N, C-alpha and C. Protein backbone atom coordinates (compact mmCIF):
# COMPACT_ATOMS: atom_id res chain seq x y z
N MET A 1 260.98 20.08 2.97
CA MET A 1 261.85 21.42 2.99
C MET A 1 262.93 21.17 2.47
N GLY A 2 263.32 22.38 2.15
CA GLY A 2 264.47 22.69 1.54
C GLY A 2 265.60 22.88 2.10
N ARG A 3 266.94 22.94 1.46
CA ARG A 3 268.12 23.67 2.37
C ARG A 3 268.06 25.00 2.50
N ARG A 4 267.22 26.16 1.63
CA ARG A 4 267.37 27.36 1.96
C ARG A 4 266.53 27.38 3.03
N ASP A 5 265.12 27.30 3.33
CA ASP A 5 264.12 27.15 3.88
C ASP A 5 264.53 26.70 5.53
N THR A 6 265.60 25.24 5.57
CA THR A 6 266.15 24.96 6.80
C THR A 6 266.99 26.47 7.40
N LEU A 7 267.65 27.05 6.11
CA LEU A 7 268.70 28.19 6.74
C LEU A 7 267.79 28.99 7.14
N ILE A 8 266.90 29.85 6.58
CA ILE A 8 266.24 30.81 6.79
C ILE A 8 265.52 30.57 8.57
N LEU A 9 264.91 29.30 8.39
CA LEU A 9 264.23 28.99 9.76
C LEU A 9 265.33 29.39 10.66
N SER A 10 266.50 28.57 10.68
CA SER A 10 267.65 28.72 11.75
C SER A 10 268.67 29.89 12.02
N ILE A 11 268.19 30.83 10.92
CA ILE A 11 268.44 32.30 11.08
C ILE A 11 267.57 33.34 11.76
N LEU A 12 266.63 32.73 12.12
CA LEU A 12 265.22 33.53 12.25
C LEU A 12 265.12 32.83 13.95
N THR A 13 265.25 31.15 14.26
CA THR A 13 265.19 31.09 15.65
C THR A 13 266.46 31.44 15.97
N LEU A 14 267.68 31.23 15.62
CA LEU A 14 268.89 32.36 16.27
C LEU A 14 268.71 33.57 16.81
N ILE A 15 267.58 34.47 15.59
CA ILE A 15 267.82 36.34 16.29
C ILE A 15 266.56 35.99 17.25
N THR A 16 266.03 35.06 17.44
CA THR A 16 264.96 35.10 18.72
C THR A 16 265.02 34.84 19.47
N ALA A 17 265.97 33.63 19.04
CA ALA A 17 266.74 33.34 21.07
C ALA A 17 267.84 34.64 21.44
N ILE A 18 268.40 35.34 20.39
CA ILE A 18 269.36 36.32 20.92
C ILE A 18 268.35 37.68 21.82
N GLY A 19 268.03 37.70 21.06
CA GLY A 19 266.57 38.96 21.47
C GLY A 19 265.43 38.78 22.84
N TRP A 20 265.71 37.33 23.11
CA TRP A 20 264.91 36.96 24.17
C TRP A 20 266.10 36.91 25.19
N ILE A 21 266.98 36.66 24.99
CA ILE A 21 268.29 36.61 26.15
C ILE A 21 268.51 38.34 26.51
N VAL A 22 268.80 38.59 25.01
CA VAL A 22 268.89 40.30 25.66
C VAL A 22 267.87 40.88 26.40
N PHE A 23 266.81 40.65 26.19
CA PHE A 23 265.36 41.35 26.34
C PHE A 23 265.11 40.84 27.77
N ASP A 24 265.57 39.80 28.60
CA ASP A 24 265.64 38.93 30.00
C ASP A 24 266.60 40.00 30.40
N VAL A 25 268.35 39.84 30.11
CA VAL A 25 269.06 40.30 30.63
C VAL A 25 268.43 41.67 30.51
N TYR A 26 268.12 42.70 30.37
CA TYR A 26 268.09 43.69 29.88
C TYR A 26 266.58 44.30 31.32
N HIS A 27 265.48 43.22 31.01
CA HIS A 27 264.38 43.41 32.14
C HIS A 27 264.93 42.82 33.57
N ALA A 28 265.75 42.68 33.70
CA ALA A 28 266.03 41.54 34.77
C ALA A 28 266.96 42.79 35.85
N SER A 29 267.97 43.98 34.96
CA SER A 29 268.79 44.60 35.19
C SER A 29 267.99 45.79 35.57
N ILE A 30 267.10 46.30 35.00
CA ILE A 30 265.96 47.44 35.19
C ILE A 30 264.91 47.32 36.42
N ASP A 31 264.15 45.63 36.71
CA ASP A 31 263.47 45.33 37.10
C ASP A 31 263.79 45.15 38.63
N THR A 32 264.98 44.47 38.91
CA THR A 32 265.74 43.78 40.37
C THR A 32 265.72 45.39 41.44
N THR A 33 265.20 45.34 42.35
CA THR A 33 265.00 46.48 43.29
C THR A 33 264.41 45.81 44.18
N VAL A 34 265.35 45.96 45.50
CA VAL A 34 265.29 45.37 47.13
C VAL A 34 264.48 46.37 48.08
N PRO A 35 263.02 46.40 48.24
CA PRO A 35 262.11 47.30 49.11
C PRO A 35 262.89 47.52 50.39
N GLN A 36 263.05 48.77 51.29
CA GLN A 36 263.83 49.19 52.29
C GLN A 36 263.49 48.52 53.26
N ASP A 37 262.62 48.07 53.49
CA ASP A 37 262.37 47.25 54.79
C ASP A 37 262.75 45.39 54.73
N VAL A 38 262.78 44.95 53.49
CA VAL A 38 263.59 43.94 52.96
C VAL A 38 265.24 43.62 53.53
N GLU A 39 265.13 44.86 53.08
CA GLU A 39 267.04 45.15 53.18
C GLU A 39 267.38 45.33 54.46
N GLU A 40 266.65 45.91 55.42
CA GLU A 40 266.70 45.99 56.15
C GLU A 40 267.01 44.89 57.25
N LYS A 41 266.27 44.07 56.89
CA LYS A 41 266.25 42.42 58.14
C LYS A 41 266.90 41.43 57.23
N LEU A 42 267.51 42.17 56.05
CA LEU A 42 269.13 40.96 55.30
C LEU A 42 270.34 41.63 56.48
N SER A 43 270.01 42.28 57.27
CA SER A 43 271.20 42.98 57.67
C SER A 43 272.15 41.39 58.67
N PRO A 44 273.66 41.49 58.59
CA PRO A 44 274.15 40.09 58.98
C PRO A 44 274.14 40.01 60.56
N VAL A 45 273.59 38.75 61.01
CA VAL A 45 273.61 38.21 62.41
C VAL A 45 274.61 38.72 63.50
N VAL A 46 274.50 39.13 64.36
CA VAL A 46 276.02 39.25 64.96
C VAL A 46 276.06 38.18 66.08
N PRO A 47 277.61 37.43 65.69
CA PRO A 47 277.71 36.13 66.32
C PRO A 47 278.19 35.91 68.08
N ASN A 48 277.37 37.13 68.27
CA ASN A 48 277.63 37.25 70.30
C ASN A 48 277.02 36.47 71.25
N PHE A 49 277.68 35.17 71.64
CA PHE A 49 276.44 34.70 72.33
C PHE A 49 277.04 34.25 73.88
N ASP A 50 276.12 34.66 74.63
CA ASP A 50 276.75 34.11 76.31
C ASP A 50 276.97 32.40 76.21
N LYS A 51 278.31 32.52 76.48
CA LYS A 51 278.97 31.01 76.66
C LYS A 51 278.24 30.50 78.31
N ASN A 52 278.17 31.24 78.90
CA ASN A 52 277.64 30.60 80.21
C ASN A 52 276.50 30.29 79.89
N LEU A 53 275.40 30.86 79.04
CA LEU A 53 274.27 30.20 79.11
C LEU A 53 274.27 29.03 78.18
N ILE A 54 275.08 29.02 77.13
CA ILE A 54 275.00 27.42 76.84
C ILE A 54 275.53 26.41 77.03
N GLN A 55 276.56 26.65 78.03
CA GLN A 55 276.76 25.66 79.24
C GLN A 55 276.08 25.09 80.21
N LYS A 56 275.27 26.04 80.58
CA LYS A 56 274.08 25.57 81.45
C LYS A 56 272.99 24.58 80.57
N ILE A 57 272.90 25.22 79.28
CA ILE A 57 271.65 24.45 78.79
C ILE A 57 272.72 22.95 78.37
N LYS A 58 273.50 22.72 78.12
CA LYS A 58 274.34 22.08 77.62
C LYS A 58 274.04 20.75 78.81
N GLN A 59 274.28 21.30 80.35
CA GLN A 59 274.42 20.69 81.55
C GLN A 59 273.16 20.45 82.18
N ARG A 60 272.08 20.51 81.17
CA ARG A 60 270.57 20.38 82.34
C ARG A 60 269.84 19.13 81.59
N GLN A 61 269.18 18.27 82.59
CA GLN A 61 268.57 17.19 82.98
C GLN A 61 267.45 17.34 81.80
N ILE A 62 266.85 16.54 81.10
CA ILE A 62 266.19 16.41 80.07
C ILE A 62 264.36 16.69 81.41
N VAL A 63 264.02 17.79 80.71
CA VAL A 63 262.81 18.04 81.40
C VAL A 63 261.71 17.83 80.44
N LEU A 64 260.52 17.36 81.43
CA LEU A 64 259.40 16.67 80.24
C LEU A 64 258.06 18.14 80.42
N PRO A 65 257.31 18.33 79.82
CA PRO A 65 256.53 19.54 79.89
C PRO A 65 255.83 18.73 80.55
N LEU A 66 254.72 19.69 82.05
CA LEU A 66 254.43 19.48 82.92
C LEU A 66 252.72 18.58 82.22
N GLU A 67 252.08 19.20 81.02
CA GLU A 67 250.83 18.65 80.76
C GLU A 67 251.26 17.70 79.63
N SER A 68 252.00 16.74 79.96
CA SER A 68 252.42 16.02 78.50
C SER A 68 250.88 14.49 78.44
N SER A 69 250.81 14.71 77.35
CA SER A 69 249.51 13.27 76.85
C SER A 69 250.10 12.85 75.86
N PRO A 70 250.52 11.81 75.60
CA PRO A 70 251.37 11.00 74.74
C PRO A 70 249.99 10.85 73.91
N THR A 71 248.77 9.84 73.91
CA THR A 71 247.80 9.42 73.73
C THR A 71 246.94 10.74 73.49
N GLY A 72 246.86 12.00 73.83
CA GLY A 72 246.00 12.76 73.51
C GLY A 72 244.70 12.93 74.51
N SER A 73 244.57 11.89 75.56
CA SER A 73 243.42 11.68 76.24
C SER A 73 243.38 12.08 77.38
N PRO A 74 242.54 13.04 78.06
CA PRO A 74 243.29 13.48 79.26
C PRO A 74 243.73 13.45 80.36
N SER A 75 243.35 11.87 80.70
CA SER A 75 243.91 11.40 81.58
C SER A 75 245.68 10.84 81.43
N GLY A 76 245.51 10.31 80.14
CA GLY A 76 247.05 9.74 79.65
C GLY A 76 247.04 8.40 79.03
N LYS A 77 245.59 7.75 79.40
CA LYS A 77 245.83 6.90 78.94
C LYS A 77 245.31 6.40 77.77
N PRO A 78 245.30 5.37 77.66
CA PRO A 78 244.83 5.03 75.62
C PRO A 78 243.41 4.76 75.86
N THR A 79 242.72 5.51 75.19
CA THR A 79 241.31 5.39 74.95
C THR A 79 240.84 4.17 73.78
N GLY A 80 239.48 3.40 74.25
CA GLY A 80 239.03 2.43 73.45
C GLY A 80 238.74 2.52 72.01
N ALA A 81 239.20 1.72 71.09
CA ALA A 81 237.89 2.00 69.81
C ALA A 81 236.51 2.34 69.72
N PRO A 82 236.20 2.89 68.68
CA PRO A 82 234.51 3.27 69.21
C PRO A 82 233.67 2.03 68.38
């Protein structure tokens, strides 16, 4: 490939890349819209916390669930291998 062919290929590649970038920017600017229901859900969270409730949670003891079964068997004892 000669020097002239390399120059032409480089210019065409540059034009293609610039065109691609321009098209992507244009497409993103006209196509990006947020639906109304999503926009409503994106509202900021109001940071009003009940400080008394948080203190009660910090002070409580560890409570195990009523039906805790670490092995998955109803009796709570490990079952034998089949």
